[in-house]
Amino acid sequence: LPYMKETKIDARPLKDPLMNNVNGNITMYSAVEVIGGTPIALYNTTPVMAVKKIGKGQIVVVGDHTIFKNFVQYEPVFTYPDPNLKKFTENLLTSIGGREENGI
């Protein structure tokens, strides 16, 4: 997949509970193809996020090592926060038993 210091990759979310209320693309910066599992986000036609059920749980694979760095301001590449990444992260954390408090 394309990668340069200032290249944005827009991952298109697919239908999955982890993508509930994600209302647009998730910005990624160094995405790689995720092989295996069920895709939950694509770059063009390439899976860049996937889930796989293991026993009673699941593994979530995000093919971007910068995905959580996106919550820190890093000019001129990105700013805090990508609202769709924020919603995906909230969905991910609540899926493992967390809960939102005071809108955070």
Protein backbone atom coordinates (compact mmCIF):
# COMPACT_ATOMS: atom_id res chain seq x y z
CA LEU A 1 0.00 0.00 0.00
CA PRO A 2 1.19 3.56 -0.57
CA TYR A 3 3.18 5.10 2.25
CA MET A 4 5.02 8.36 2.60
CA LYS A 5 5.52 10.60 5.58
CA GLU A 6 2.59 12.81 4.66
CA THR A 7 0.33 10.38 2.82
CA LYS A 8 -3.11 9.77 4.24
CA ILE A 9 -4.82 6.46 3.64
CA ASP A 10 -8.59 6.51 4.05
CA ALA A 11 -9.83 3.18 5.38
CA ARG A 12 -13.47 2.56 4.53
CA PRO A 13 -15.33 0.87 7.41
CA LEU A 14 -17.45 -2.20 6.71
CA LYS A 15 -20.54 -3.40 8.55
CA ASP A 16 -19.39 -4.66 11.96
CA PRO A 17 -20.29 -3.81 15.56
CA LEU A 18 -16.84 -2.24 16.00
CA MET A 19 -17.75 0.23 13.26
CA ASN A 20 -21.12 1.31 14.72
CA ASN A 21 -21.58 5.07 14.28
CA VAL A 22 -18.30 5.42 12.37
CA ASN A 23 -19.71 7.83 9.80
CA GLY A 24 -16.91 8.01 7.29
CA ASN A 25 -13.40 6.91 6.52
CA ILE A 26 -10.77 6.30 9.21
CA THR A 27 -7.50 8.09 8.51
CA MET A 28 -4.44 5.85 8.54
CA TYR A 29 -0.84 6.71 7.69
CA SER A 30 1.18 3.53 7.22
CA ALA A 31 -1.41 0.87 6.56
CA VAL A 32 -0.43 -2.64 5.52
CA GLU A 33 -2.64 -5.45 4.29
CA VAL A 34 -4.20 -7.63 6.98
CA ILE A 35 -4.44 -11.25 5.85
CA GLY A 36 -6.98 -13.55 7.47
CA GLY A 37 -9.98 -12.94 9.66
CA THR A 38 -13.04 -10.97 8.64
CA PRO A 39 -12.25 -7.53 7.18
CA ILE A 40 -13.83 -4.57 8.98
CA ALA A 41 -12.09 -1.77 7.02
CA LEU A 42 -10.65 -1.57 3.51
CA TYR A 43 -8.26 0.67 1.63
CA ASN A 44 -9.66 0.43 -1.88
CA THR A 45 -10.17 -3.38 -1.91
CA THR A 46 -7.36 -4.27 0.51
CA PRO A 47 -8.26 -5.26 4.10
CA VAL A 48 -6.43 -3.00 6.60
CA MET A 49 -8.46 -3.96 9.70
CA ALA A 50 -9.86 -7.39 10.52
CA VAL A 51 -11.35 -9.42 13.36
CA LYS A 52 -11.13 -13.13 14.06
CA LYS A 53 -13.15 -15.00 16.65
CA ILE A 54 -11.03 -17.16 18.94
CA GLY A 55 -12.95 -19.21 21.49
CA LYS A 56 -15.28 -16.81 23.34
CA GLY A 57 -13.27 -13.74 22.36
CA GLN A 58 -11.89 -12.10 19.26
CA ILE A 59 -8.66 -10.64 17.97
CA VAL A 60 -8.72 -7.24 16.29
CA VAL A 61 -5.86 -6.58 13.87
CA VAL A 62 -5.18 -3.03 12.67
CA GLY A 63 -2.55 -2.86 9.94
CA ASP A 64 -1.25 0.58 10.93
CA HIS A 65 1.36 1.10 13.62
CA THR A 66 0.40 4.79 13.83
CA ILE A 67 -3.28 4.17 14.60
CA PHE A 68 -3.14 5.22 18.27
CA LYS A 69 -0.54 7.92 17.63
CA ASN A 70 -3.35 9.72 15.79
CA PHE A 71 -4.64 10.86 19.19
CA VAL A 72 -1.64 13.17 19.57
CA GLN A 73 -1.26 16.29 17.49
CA TYR A 74 1.47 15.79 14.90
CA GLU A 75 1.57 18.66 12.46
CA PRO A 76 1.44 18.89 9.51
CA VAL A 77 0.42 15.26 9.04
CA PHE A 78 -2.65 14.91 11.24
CA THR A 79 -4.48 16.55 14.08
CA TYR A 80 -6.26 15.29 17.18
CA PRO A 81 -8.53 13.46 16.90
CA ASP A 82 -9.79 11.84 13.73
CA PRO A 83 -13.47 11.61 14.77
CA ASN A 84 -14.01 8.24 13.04
CA LEU A 85 -10.87 6.75 14.60
CA LYS A 86 -12.06 8.07 17.96
CA LYS A 87 -15.44 6.36 17.53
CA PHE A 88 -13.79 3.08 16.43
CA THR A 89 -11.53 3.23 19.50
CA GLU A 90 -14.51 3.88 21.78
CA ASN A 91 -16.33 0.91 20.23
CA LEU A 92 -13.23 -1.26 20.67
CA LEU A 93 -12.74 -0.33 24.32
CA THR A 94 -16.42 -0.73 25.24
CA SER A 95 -16.46 -4.13 23.49
CA ILE A 96 -13.89 -5.39 26.01
CA GLY A 97 -15.87 -4.19 28.99
CA GLY A 98 -15.05 -0.50 29.22
CA ARG A 99 -17.65 2.20 29.44
CA GLU A 100 -17.87 5.83 28.50
CA GLU A 101 -17.87 8.35 31.33
CA ASN A 102 -18.62 12.03 30.91
CA GLY A 103 -18.29 11.79 27.14
CA ILE A 104 -14.73 10.42 27.37
